[in-house]
Amino acid sequence: MPKQVDHQARRTQIADALVRVAAEQGLEAVSLRHVAAAADVSTGMVQHYFRTKDEMMGFAMAVVRERNQERITGRMSRLGPEPGPRELLRTLIAGVLPLDDESRAYGRVALAFLAYTAVRPAAGDPLRKDTEELLGFVTDLIRAGGKASDPAGAAAGLLAVMEGLGVHLLAGHFTPERAIGALDTHLDLLFP
């Protein structure tokens, strides 16, 4: 009987290896050879599942996005049946920020992916879609409970604060406590 291969699991194994290589060595170290070694598979197997580096990067970005969404959705669901808009936003943003070892690894990879898409705009289409959805969600929460005269502008500003805090955390300029304090101060301006 022929061996059954779970192709999605194999692709995910390779994507996980790409994420490990990118988190530990930077995106410039990502190559078919390095990813194959990290996944403990042959280069030919990587090429079987991903014809190009861009295809492999796109799949890995999707895996990272999916895992982040699952992690954040889990945190938000623990808030109870009817959390307030401020509490939802704080949980969402704190869930995105690189505050611990696992989220720092994903944060480094996410930042590298963002830089990657800056020079390959087509690769960034899924990220742009995610950003627009997130912006709409945050705008709705601010509109529902905040005091901003321009909820869409306030949402864009809050996402910029989130990204800035993330970069400063990754660079070691801010401690997690300082970043959460800054987030709370900004949320206090929107939800007095």
N, C-alpha and C. Protein backbone atom coordinates (compact mmCIF):
# COMPACT_ATOMS: atom_id res chain seq x y z
N MET A 1 0.84 -1.18 0.00
CA MET A 1 0.00 0.00 0.00
C MET A 1 0.89 1.24 0.00
N PRO A 2 0.62 2.21 -0.88
CA PRO A 2 1.47 3.41 -0.95
C PRO A 2 1.35 4.25 0.33
N LYS A 3 2.45 4.90 0.65
CA LYS A 3 2.50 5.74 1.83
C LYS A 3 1.62 6.98 1.62
N GLN A 4 0.78 7.27 2.62
CA GLN A 4 -0.08 8.46 2.54
C GLN A 4 0.71 9.67 3.03
N VAL A 5 0.71 10.73 2.23
CA VAL A 5 1.43 11.94 2.59
C VAL A 5 0.41 13.06 2.77
N ASP A 6 0.48 13.72 3.90
CA ASP A 6 -0.37 14.88 4.16
C ASP A 6 0.36 16.10 3.58
N HIS A 7 -0.03 16.50 2.39
CA HIS A 7 0.68 17.56 1.68
C HIS A 7 0.58 18.90 2.41
N GLN A 8 -0.57 19.19 3.01
CA GLN A 8 -0.71 20.44 3.74
C GLN A 8 0.22 20.45 4.96
N ALA A 9 0.30 19.33 5.64
CA ALA A 9 1.20 19.23 6.80
C ALA A 9 2.65 19.40 6.36
N ARG A 10 3.00 18.83 5.22
CA ARG A 10 4.38 18.94 4.72
C ARG A 10 4.68 20.40 4.35
N ARG A 11 3.73 21.07 3.70
CA ARG A 11 3.92 22.49 3.36
C ARG A 11 4.06 23.33 4.63
N THR A 12 3.27 23.00 5.64
CA THR A 12 3.33 23.74 6.90
C THR A 12 4.66 23.48 7.61
N GLN A 13 5.16 22.25 7.55
CA GLN A 13 6.46 21.93 8.12
C GLN A 13 7.55 22.79 7.48
N ILE A 14 7.47 22.94 6.18
CA ILE A 14 8.46 23.76 5.46
C ILE A 14 8.29 25.23 5.82
N ALA A 15 7.04 25.70 5.92
CA ALA A 15 6.79 27.09 6.31
C ALA A 15 7.30 27.36 7.71
N ASP A 16 7.09 26.41 8.64
CA ASP A 16 7.61 26.57 10.00
C ASP A 16 9.12 26.69 10.00
N ALA A 17 9.77 25.90 9.16
CA ALA A 17 11.23 25.98 9.05
C ALA A 17 11.65 27.34 8.52
N LEU A 18 10.93 27.85 7.54
CA LEU A 18 11.24 29.18 7.01
C LEU A 18 11.11 30.22 8.11
N VAL A 19 10.06 30.13 8.91
CA VAL A 19 9.85 31.09 10.01
C VAL A 19 11.01 30.99 11.01
N ARG A 20 11.44 29.78 11.35
CA ARG A 20 12.56 29.63 12.28
C ARG A 20 13.84 30.25 11.71
N VAL A 21 14.12 29.99 10.44
CA VAL A 21 15.32 30.56 9.82
C VAL A 21 15.23 32.09 9.82
N ALA A 22 14.08 32.62 9.43
CA ALA A 22 13.92 34.07 9.38
C ALA A 22 14.00 34.69 10.77
N ALA A 23 13.42 34.06 11.79
CA ALA A 23 13.44 34.61 13.14
C ALA A 23 14.85 34.59 13.73
N GLU A 24 15.62 33.54 13.41
CA GLU A 24 16.94 33.39 14.00
C GLU A 24 18.04 34.10 13.22
N GLN A 25 17.90 34.15 11.88
CA GLN A 25 19.00 34.65 11.05
C GLN A 25 18.61 35.80 10.15
N GLY A 26 17.34 36.14 10.10
CA GLY A 26 16.89 37.20 9.20
C GLY A 26 16.42 36.63 7.89
N LEU A 27 15.58 37.39 7.22
CA LEU A 27 14.99 36.93 5.97
C LEU A 27 16.03 36.74 4.87
N GLU A 28 17.12 37.48 4.95
CA GLU A 28 18.16 37.34 3.93
C GLU A 28 18.80 35.95 3.96
N ALA A 29 18.67 35.24 5.09
CA ALA A 29 19.23 33.89 5.20
C ALA A 29 18.29 32.83 4.64
N VAL A 30 17.07 33.23 4.29
CA VAL A 30 16.10 32.27 3.78
C VAL A 30 16.47 31.88 2.36
N SER A 31 16.74 30.60 2.17
CA SER A 31 16.99 30.04 0.85
C SER A 31 16.39 28.65 0.86
N LEU A 32 16.20 28.07 -0.30
CA LEU A 32 15.67 26.72 -0.37
C LEU A 32 16.55 25.76 0.44
N ARG A 33 17.85 25.94 0.34
CA ARG A 33 18.80 25.05 1.03
C ARG A 33 18.68 25.19 2.54
N HIS A 34 18.67 26.45 3.04
CA HIS A 34 18.57 26.67 4.49
C HIS A 34 17.23 26.18 5.05
N VAL A 35 16.17 26.44 4.32
CA VAL A 35 14.85 26.01 4.78
C VAL A 35 14.76 24.49 4.77
N ALA A 36 15.29 23.85 3.74
CA ALA A 36 15.28 22.39 3.69
C ALA A 36 16.04 21.81 4.88
N ALA A 37 17.18 22.37 5.20
CA ALA A 37 17.97 21.88 6.33
C ALA A 37 17.19 22.07 7.64
N ALA A 38 16.56 23.23 7.81
CA ALA A 38 15.80 23.49 9.04
C ALA A 38 14.58 22.58 9.15
N ALA A 39 14.00 22.20 8.02
CA ALA A 39 12.82 21.32 8.01
C ALA A 39 13.23 19.85 8.04
N ASP A 40 14.52 19.60 7.91
CA ASP A 40 15.05 18.23 7.87
C ASP A 40 14.46 17.44 6.69
N VAL A 41 14.41 18.11 5.55
CA VAL A 41 13.96 17.49 4.31
C VAL A 41 14.96 17.85 3.21
N SER A 42 14.80 17.26 2.06
CA SER A 42 15.71 17.56 0.95
C SER A 42 15.30 18.86 0.25
N THR A 43 16.27 19.46 -0.40
CA THR A 43 15.98 20.67 -1.20
C THR A 43 14.97 20.33 -2.28
N GLY A 44 15.08 19.13 -2.84
CA GLY A 44 14.13 18.70 -3.87
C GLY A 44 12.70 18.65 -3.35
N MET A 45 12.53 18.24 -2.08
CA MET A 45 11.18 18.21 -1.51
C MET A 45 10.63 19.63 -1.37
N VAL A 46 11.48 20.56 -0.94
CA VAL A 46 11.02 21.95 -0.83
C VAL A 46 10.60 22.45 -2.21
N GLN A 47 11.41 22.16 -3.22
CA GLN A 47 11.09 22.59 -4.58
C GLN A 47 9.83 21.90 -5.12
N HIS A 48 9.56 20.69 -4.64
CA HIS A 48 8.34 19.99 -5.05
C HIS A 48 7.10 20.75 -4.58
N TYR A 49 7.16 21.28 -3.36
CA TYR A 49 6.00 21.98 -2.79
C TYR A 49 5.97 23.46 -3.14
N PHE A 50 7.13 24.05 -3.37
CA PHE A 50 7.19 25.49 -3.68
C PHE A 50 8.14 25.69 -4.85
N ARG A 51 7.60 26.12 -5.96
CA ARG A 51 8.42 26.29 -7.17
C ARG A 51 9.42 27.43 -7.03
N THR A 52 9.03 28.47 -6.27
CA THR A 52 9.89 29.65 -6.15
C THR A 52 9.98 30.08 -4.69
N LYS A 53 10.96 30.90 -4.39
CA LYS A 53 11.09 31.46 -3.05
C LYS A 53 9.88 32.33 -2.73
N ASP A 54 9.39 33.09 -3.71
CA ASP A 54 8.22 33.94 -3.47
C ASP A 54 7.00 33.11 -3.09
N GLU A 55 6.82 31.97 -3.74
CA GLU A 55 5.70 31.09 -3.42
C GLU A 55 5.84 30.56 -1.98
N MET A 56 7.05 30.18 -1.62
CA MET A 56 7.31 29.68 -0.27
C MET A 56 7.08 30.80 0.75
N MET A 57 7.53 32.00 0.44
CA MET A 57 7.35 33.14 1.35
C MET A 57 5.87 33.45 1.53
N GLY A 58 5.13 33.43 0.44
CA GLY A 58 3.69 33.71 0.52
C GLY A 58 2.97 32.72 1.41
N PHE A 59 3.31 31.45 1.28
CA PHE A 59 2.67 30.44 2.12
C PHE A 59 3.07 30.63 3.58
N ALA A 60 4.34 30.92 3.83
CA ALA A 60 4.80 31.13 5.20
C ALA A 60 4.12 32.36 5.82
N MET A 61 3.94 33.42 5.03
CA MET A 61 3.23 34.60 5.54
C MET A 61 1.80 34.23 5.94
N ALA A 62 1.16 33.39 5.14
CA ALA A 62 -0.21 32.97 5.45
C ALA A 62 -0.24 32.15 6.74
N VAL A 63 0.74 31.29 6.94
CA VAL A 63 0.81 30.49 8.17
C VAL A 63 0.98 31.41 9.38
N VAL A 64 1.89 32.37 9.29
CA VAL A 64 2.13 33.30 10.40
C VAL A 64 0.86 34.10 10.69
N ARG A 65 0.21 34.61 9.65
CA ARG A 65 -1.03 35.39 9.85
C ARG A 65 -2.09 34.53 10.53
N GLU A 66 -2.25 33.29 10.08
CA GLU A 66 -3.26 32.40 10.65
C GLU A 66 -2.99 32.11 12.12
N ARG A 67 -1.73 31.85 12.45
CA ARG A 67 -1.39 31.56 13.85
C ARG A 67 -1.59 32.78 14.74
N ASN A 68 -1.22 33.94 14.25
CA ASN A 68 -1.45 35.16 15.04
C ASN A 68 -2.93 35.39 15.25
N GLN A 69 -3.73 35.20 14.21
CA GLN A 69 -5.18 35.38 14.34
C GLN A 69 -5.77 34.40 15.35
N GLU A 70 -5.32 33.15 15.31
CA GLU A 70 -5.81 32.16 16.27
C GLU A 70 -5.45 32.55 17.70
N ARG A 71 -4.21 32.99 17.89
CA ARG A 71 -3.74 33.37 19.23
C ARG A 71 -4.54 34.55 19.77
N ILE A 72 -4.74 35.55 18.93
CA ILE A 72 -5.45 36.76 19.36
C ILE A 72 -6.94 36.48 19.55
N THR A 73 -7.52 35.69 18.67
CA THR A 73 -8.93 35.33 18.82
C THR A 73 -9.15 34.57 20.13
N GLY A 74 -8.21 33.69 20.48
CA GLY A 74 -8.30 32.97 21.74
C GLY A 74 -8.27 33.91 22.93
N ARG A 75 -7.38 34.89 22.89
CA ARG A 75 -7.31 35.87 23.98
C ARG A 75 -8.59 36.69 24.08
N MET A 76 -9.11 37.09 22.95
CA MET A 76 -10.32 37.91 22.95
C MET A 76 -11.53 37.11 23.43
N SER A 77 -11.58 35.83 23.10
CA SER A 77 -12.72 35.02 23.51
C SER A 77 -12.73 34.81 25.03
N ARG A 78 -11.57 34.91 25.67
CA ARG A 78 -11.51 34.76 27.13
C ARG A 78 -12.00 36.00 27.87
N LEU A 79 -12.34 37.05 27.15
CA LEU A 79 -12.82 38.28 27.79
C LEU A 79 -14.26 38.14 28.28
N GLY A 80 -14.94 37.12 27.83
CA GLY A 80 -16.33 36.95 28.25
C GLY A 80 -17.29 37.29 27.13
N PRO A 81 -18.59 37.22 27.45
CA PRO A 81 -19.60 37.34 26.40
C PRO A 81 -19.75 38.76 25.81
N GLU A 82 -19.55 39.79 26.60
CA GLU A 82 -19.76 41.15 26.07
C GLU A 82 -18.70 42.13 26.56
N PRO A 83 -17.47 41.96 26.11
CA PRO A 83 -16.43 42.90 26.54
C PRO A 83 -16.65 44.27 25.89
N GLY A 84 -16.18 45.30 26.56
CA GLY A 84 -16.30 46.64 26.01
C GLY A 84 -15.30 46.88 24.90
N PRO A 85 -15.54 47.91 24.09
CA PRO A 85 -14.64 48.21 22.97
C PRO A 85 -13.20 48.47 23.39
N ARG A 86 -13.00 49.21 24.49
CA ARG A 86 -11.64 49.50 24.94
C ARG A 86 -10.92 48.21 25.33
N GLU A 87 -11.61 47.34 26.06
CA GLU A 87 -11.02 46.08 26.50
C GLU A 87 -10.67 45.19 25.30
N LEU A 88 -11.56 45.17 24.31
CA LEU A 88 -11.27 44.40 23.09
C LEU A 88 -10.03 44.94 22.39
N LEU A 89 -9.96 46.27 22.25
CA LEU A 89 -8.81 46.87 21.57
C LEU A 89 -7.52 46.61 22.32
N ARG A 90 -7.55 46.75 23.63
CA ARG A 90 -6.33 46.52 24.43
C ARG A 90 -5.88 45.07 24.27
N THR A 91 -6.80 44.14 24.33
CA THR A 91 -6.47 42.72 24.19
C THR A 91 -5.93 42.43 22.79
N LEU A 92 -6.56 42.99 21.79
CA LEU A 92 -6.12 42.80 20.41
C LEU A 92 -4.70 43.32 20.22
N ILE A 93 -4.46 44.56 20.62
CA ILE A 93 -3.15 45.17 20.37
C ILE A 93 -2.07 44.52 21.23
N ALA A 94 -2.37 44.25 22.49
CA ALA A 94 -1.39 43.57 23.34
C ALA A 94 -1.08 42.18 22.77
N GLY A 95 -2.06 41.56 22.14
CA GLY A 95 -1.83 40.25 21.52
C GLY A 95 -0.92 40.33 20.30
N VAL A 96 -0.92 41.45 19.63
CA VAL A 96 -0.07 41.64 18.45
C VAL A 96 1.35 42.03 18.85
N LEU A 97 1.48 42.77 19.94
CA LEU A 97 2.80 43.27 20.34
C LEU A 97 3.75 42.13 20.73
N PRO A 98 5.03 42.27 20.38
CA PRO A 98 6.02 41.24 20.72
C PRO A 98 6.48 41.37 22.17
N LEU A 99 5.66 40.85 23.09
CA LEU A 99 5.90 41.02 24.52
C LEU A 99 6.60 39.83 25.17
N ASP A 100 6.65 38.68 24.49
CA ASP A 100 7.31 37.50 25.04
C ASP A 100 8.14 36.85 23.94
N ASP A 101 8.85 35.78 24.30
CA ASP A 101 9.77 35.16 23.33
C ASP A 101 9.06 34.69 22.06
N GLU A 102 7.92 34.03 22.22
CA GLU A 102 7.21 33.51 21.04
C GLU A 102 6.75 34.66 20.15
N SER A 103 6.12 35.67 20.74
CA SER A 103 5.61 36.77 19.92
C SER A 103 6.75 37.62 19.36
N ARG A 104 7.90 37.67 20.04
CA ARG A 104 9.06 38.38 19.48
C ARG A 104 9.56 37.67 18.23
N ALA A 105 9.60 36.35 18.25
CA ALA A 105 10.04 35.60 17.06
C ALA A 105 9.10 35.89 15.90
N TYR A 106 7.78 35.82 16.16
CA TYR A 106 6.82 36.13 15.10
C TYR A 106 6.90 37.59 14.70
N GLY A 107 7.18 38.47 15.64
CA GLY A 107 7.31 39.90 15.33
C GLY A 107 8.48 40.17 14.40
N ARG A 108 9.61 39.51 14.66
CA ARG A 108 10.78 39.68 13.78
C ARG A 108 10.45 39.20 12.37
N VAL A 109 9.75 38.09 12.30
CA VAL A 109 9.39 37.54 11.00
C VAL A 109 8.38 38.45 10.30
N ALA A 110 7.39 38.94 11.04
CA ALA A 110 6.39 39.83 10.45
C ALA A 110 7.05 41.10 9.91
N LEU A 111 7.99 41.66 10.67
CA LEU A 111 8.70 42.85 10.21
C LEU A 111 9.50 42.55 8.96
N ALA A 112 10.13 41.38 8.93
CA ALA A 112 10.89 40.98 7.74
C ALA A 112 9.96 40.79 6.54
N PHE A 113 8.79 40.19 6.77
CA PHE A 113 7.82 40.02 5.69
C PHE A 113 7.36 41.38 5.16
N LEU A 114 7.15 42.32 6.06
CA LEU A 114 6.72 43.65 5.64
C LEU A 114 7.77 44.29 4.74
N ALA A 115 9.03 44.17 5.14
CA ALA A 115 10.11 44.70 4.29
C ALA A 115 10.16 43.96 2.96
N TYR A 116 9.94 42.66 2.98
CA TYR A 116 9.95 41.85 1.77
C TYR A 116 8.87 42.34 0.80
N THR A 117 7.68 42.63 1.33
CA THR A 117 6.59 43.06 0.46
C THR A 117 6.77 44.50 -0.03
N ALA A 118 7.63 45.26 0.63
CA ALA A 118 7.89 46.63 0.17
C ALA A 118 8.56 46.63 -1.20
N VAL A 119 9.33 45.59 -1.49
CA VAL A 119 10.00 45.51 -2.79
C VAL A 119 9.33 44.51 -3.72
N ARG A 120 8.32 43.81 -3.22
CA ARG A 120 7.53 42.87 -4.03
C ARG A 120 6.05 43.13 -3.74
N PRO A 121 5.51 44.21 -4.30
CA PRO A 121 4.15 44.63 -3.95
C PRO A 121 3.09 43.54 -4.11
N ALA A 122 3.20 42.69 -5.10
CA ALA A 122 2.19 41.65 -5.29
C ALA A 122 2.18 40.69 -4.11
N ALA A 123 3.34 40.44 -3.51
CA ALA A 123 3.41 39.55 -2.35
C ALA A 123 2.70 40.16 -1.14
N GLY A 124 2.53 41.46 -1.14
CA GLY A 124 1.90 42.15 -0.01
C GLY A 124 0.39 42.24 -0.09
N ASP A 125 -0.23 41.75 -1.14
CA ASP A 125 -1.68 41.86 -1.27
C ASP A 125 -2.43 41.29 -0.06
N PRO A 126 -2.09 40.09 0.42
CA PRO A 126 -2.82 39.57 1.59
C PRO A 126 -2.63 40.45 2.83
N LEU A 127 -1.43 41.02 3.01
CA LEU A 127 -1.19 41.89 4.16
C LEU A 127 -2.01 43.16 4.07
N ARG A 128 -2.12 43.71 2.86
CA ARG A 128 -2.95 44.92 2.68
C ARG A 128 -4.41 44.62 3.01
N LYS A 129 -4.89 43.48 2.57
CA LYS A 129 -6.27 43.08 2.86
C LYS A 129 -6.47 42.95 4.37
N ASP A 130 -5.54 42.28 5.05
CA ASP A 130 -5.63 42.13 6.50
C ASP A 130 -5.63 43.49 7.20
N THR A 131 -4.78 44.39 6.73
CA THR A 131 -4.71 45.72 7.34
C THR A 131 -6.02 46.47 7.17
N GLU A 132 -6.63 46.39 6.00
CA GLU A 132 -7.91 47.07 5.78
C GLU A 132 -9.00 46.49 6.68
N GLU A 133 -9.02 45.16 6.83
CA GLU A 133 -10.00 44.52 7.72
C GLU A 133 -9.78 44.95 9.17
N LEU A 134 -8.52 44.96 9.59
CA LEU A 134 -8.20 45.37 10.95
C LEU A 134 -8.58 46.82 11.18
N LEU A 135 -8.28 47.67 10.21
CA LEU A 135 -8.63 49.09 10.31
C LEU A 135 -10.14 49.27 10.45
N GLY A 136 -10.91 48.53 9.69
CA GLY A 136 -12.36 48.60 9.79
C GLY A 136 -12.86 48.14 11.15
N PHE A 137 -12.29 47.05 11.68
CA PHE A 137 -12.68 46.52 12.99
C PHE A 137 -12.37 47.54 14.09
N VAL A 138 -11.16 48.10 14.05
CA VAL A 138 -10.75 49.07 15.06
C VAL A 138 -11.60 50.33 14.95
N THR A 139 -11.89 50.78 13.74
CA THR A 139 -12.76 51.95 13.55
C THR A 139 -14.13 51.71 14.17
N ASP A 140 -14.69 50.53 13.94
CA ASP A 140 -16.01 50.21 14.51
C ASP A 140 -15.97 50.22 16.04
N LEU A 141 -14.90 49.69 16.62
CA LEU A 141 -14.80 49.69 18.09
C LEU A 141 -14.67 51.10 18.64
N ILE A 142 -13.89 51.93 17.97
CA ILE A 142 -13.75 53.32 18.42
C ILE A 142 -15.07 54.06 18.27
N ARG A 143 -15.74 53.82 17.17
CA ARG A 143 -17.03 54.45 16.94
C ARG A 143 -18.04 54.02 18.02
N ALA A 144 -17.98 52.75 18.43
CA ALA A 144 -18.94 52.20 19.40
C ALA A 144 -18.73 52.73 20.81
N GLY A 145 -17.49 53.02 21.19
CA GLY A 145 -17.29 53.39 22.58
C GLY A 145 -16.33 54.52 22.83
N GLY A 146 -15.68 54.99 21.80
CA GLY A 146 -14.69 56.04 21.97
C GLY A 146 -15.27 57.43 21.83
N LYS A 147 -14.40 58.41 22.02
CA LYS A 147 -14.82 59.80 21.94
C LYS A 147 -14.13 60.56 20.81
N ALA A 148 -13.61 59.85 19.83
CA ALA A 148 -12.90 60.49 18.73
C ALA A 148 -13.89 61.10 17.75
N SER A 149 -13.58 62.32 17.31
CA SER A 149 -14.44 62.96 16.31
C SER A 149 -14.27 62.32 14.93
N ASP A 150 -13.13 61.69 14.71
CA ASP A 150 -12.84 61.00 13.44
C ASP A 150 -12.42 59.56 13.77
N PRO A 151 -13.38 58.65 13.93
CA PRO A 151 -13.03 57.28 14.31
C PRO A 151 -12.06 56.60 13.34
N ALA A 152 -12.20 56.83 12.05
CA ALA A 152 -11.30 56.20 11.08
C ALA A 152 -9.88 56.74 11.23
N GLY A 153 -9.76 58.03 11.43
CA GLY A 153 -8.44 58.63 11.65
C GLY A 153 -7.82 58.14 12.95
N ALA A 154 -8.65 58.05 14.00
CA ALA A 154 -8.16 57.56 15.29
C ALA A 154 -7.72 56.10 15.17
N ALA A 155 -8.45 55.31 14.39
CA ALA A 155 -8.08 53.90 14.19
C ALA A 155 -6.74 53.80 13.46
N ALA A 156 -6.54 54.61 12.43
CA ALA A 156 -5.27 54.60 11.71
C ALA A 156 -4.14 55.00 12.65
N GLY A 157 -4.38 55.99 13.50
CA GLY A 157 -3.37 56.41 14.46
C GLY A 157 -3.06 55.32 15.47
N LEU A 158 -4.08 54.62 15.92
CA LEU A 158 -3.88 53.55 16.89
C LEU A 158 -3.08 52.39 16.28
N LEU A 159 -3.35 52.08 15.01
CA LEU A 159 -2.56 51.04 14.35
C LEU A 159 -1.10 51.48 14.18
N ALA A 160 -0.91 52.78 13.92
CA ALA A 160 0.46 53.30 13.83
C ALA A 160 1.17 53.21 15.18
N VAL A 161 0.44 53.50 16.26
CA VAL A 161 1.00 53.36 17.61
C VAL A 161 1.38 51.90 17.85
N MET A 162 0.52 50.98 17.48
CA MET A 162 0.78 49.56 17.65
C MET A 162 2.06 49.16 16.90
N GLU A 163 2.17 49.55 15.65
CA GLU A 163 3.35 49.20 14.85
C GLU A 163 4.61 49.83 15.44
N GLY A 164 4.52 51.08 15.86
CA GLY A 164 5.68 51.75 16.45
C GLY A 164 6.12 51.09 17.74
N LEU A 165 5.16 50.75 18.59
CA LEU A 165 5.51 50.05 19.83
C LEU A 165 6.16 48.71 19.51
N GLY A 166 5.64 48.02 18.51
CA GLY A 166 6.21 46.73 18.12
C GLY A 166 7.66 46.86 17.68
N VAL A 167 7.95 47.86 16.87
CA VAL A 167 9.32 48.08 16.40
C VAL A 167 10.24 48.40 17.57
N HIS A 168 9.79 49.28 18.48
CA HIS A 168 10.62 49.64 19.63
C HIS A 168 10.83 48.45 20.57
N LEU A 169 9.83 47.58 20.71
CA LEU A 169 10.00 46.36 21.51
C LEU A 169 11.02 45.43 20.85
N LEU A 170 10.89 45.23 19.55
CA LEU A 170 11.82 44.33 18.85
C LEU A 170 13.25 44.85 18.91
N ALA A 171 13.41 46.17 18.86
CA ALA A 171 14.75 46.76 18.90
C ALA A 171 15.31 46.83 20.31
N GLY A 172 14.48 46.52 21.31
CA GLY A 172 14.94 46.58 22.69
C GLY A 172 14.92 47.97 23.29
N HIS A 173 14.26 48.92 22.61
CA HIS A 173 14.18 50.28 23.13
C HIS A 173 13.15 50.43 24.24
N PHE A 174 12.12 49.60 24.20
CA PHE A 174 11.06 49.63 25.20
C PHE A 174 10.98 48.28 25.89
N THR A 175 10.65 48.31 27.17
CA THR A 175 10.32 47.08 27.88
C THR A 175 8.85 46.78 27.61
N PRO A 176 8.42 45.55 27.83
CA PRO A 176 6.99 45.25 27.69
C PRO A 176 6.11 46.15 28.57
N GLU A 177 6.57 46.42 29.78
CA GLU A 177 5.79 47.27 30.69
C GLU A 177 5.64 48.69 30.14
N ARG A 178 6.71 49.22 29.59
CA ARG A 178 6.64 50.57 29.02
C ARG A 178 5.71 50.60 27.82
N ALA A 179 5.77 49.59 26.99
CA ALA A 179 4.91 49.54 25.80
C ALA A 179 3.45 49.44 26.21
N ILE A 180 3.13 48.59 27.17
CA ILE A 180 1.74 48.46 27.61
C ILE A 180 1.28 49.76 28.28
N GLY A 181 2.15 50.41 29.02
CA GLY A 181 1.82 51.71 29.61
C GLY A 181 1.49 52.74 28.55
N ALA A 182 2.30 52.77 27.49
CA ALA A 182 2.05 53.71 26.39
C ALA A 182 0.73 53.39 25.68
N LEU A 183 0.47 52.10 25.50
CA LEU A 183 -0.79 51.69 24.88
C LEU A 183 -1.97 52.14 25.73
N ASP A 184 -1.90 51.90 27.05
CA ASP A 184 -2.98 52.30 27.94
C ASP A 184 -3.19 53.82 27.91
N THR A 185 -2.11 54.57 27.89
CA THR A 185 -2.23 56.03 27.83
C THR A 185 -2.94 56.45 26.55
N HIS A 186 -2.58 55.83 25.44
CA HIS A 186 -3.23 56.19 24.17
C HIS A 186 -4.71 55.78 24.17
N LEU A 187 -5.00 54.61 24.70
CA LEU A 187 -6.40 54.18 24.77
C LEU A 187 -7.20 55.09 25.68
N ASP A 188 -6.58 55.61 26.75
CA ASP A 188 -7.28 56.54 27.64
C ASP A 188 -7.68 57.82 26.91
N LEU A 189 -6.89 58.22 25.92
CA LEU A 189 -7.25 59.40 25.12
C LEU A 189 -8.47 59.13 24.25
N LEU A 190 -8.60 57.90 23.76
CA LEU A 190 -9.72 57.55 22.89
C LEU A 190 -10.96 57.15 23.69
N PHE A 191 -10.76 56.60 24.88
CA PHE A 191 -11.86 56.12 25.71
C PHE A 191 -11.73 56.75 27.11
N PRO A 192 -12.02 58.05 27.22
CA PRO A 192 -11.84 58.73 28.52
C PRO A 192 -12.83 58.22 29.57
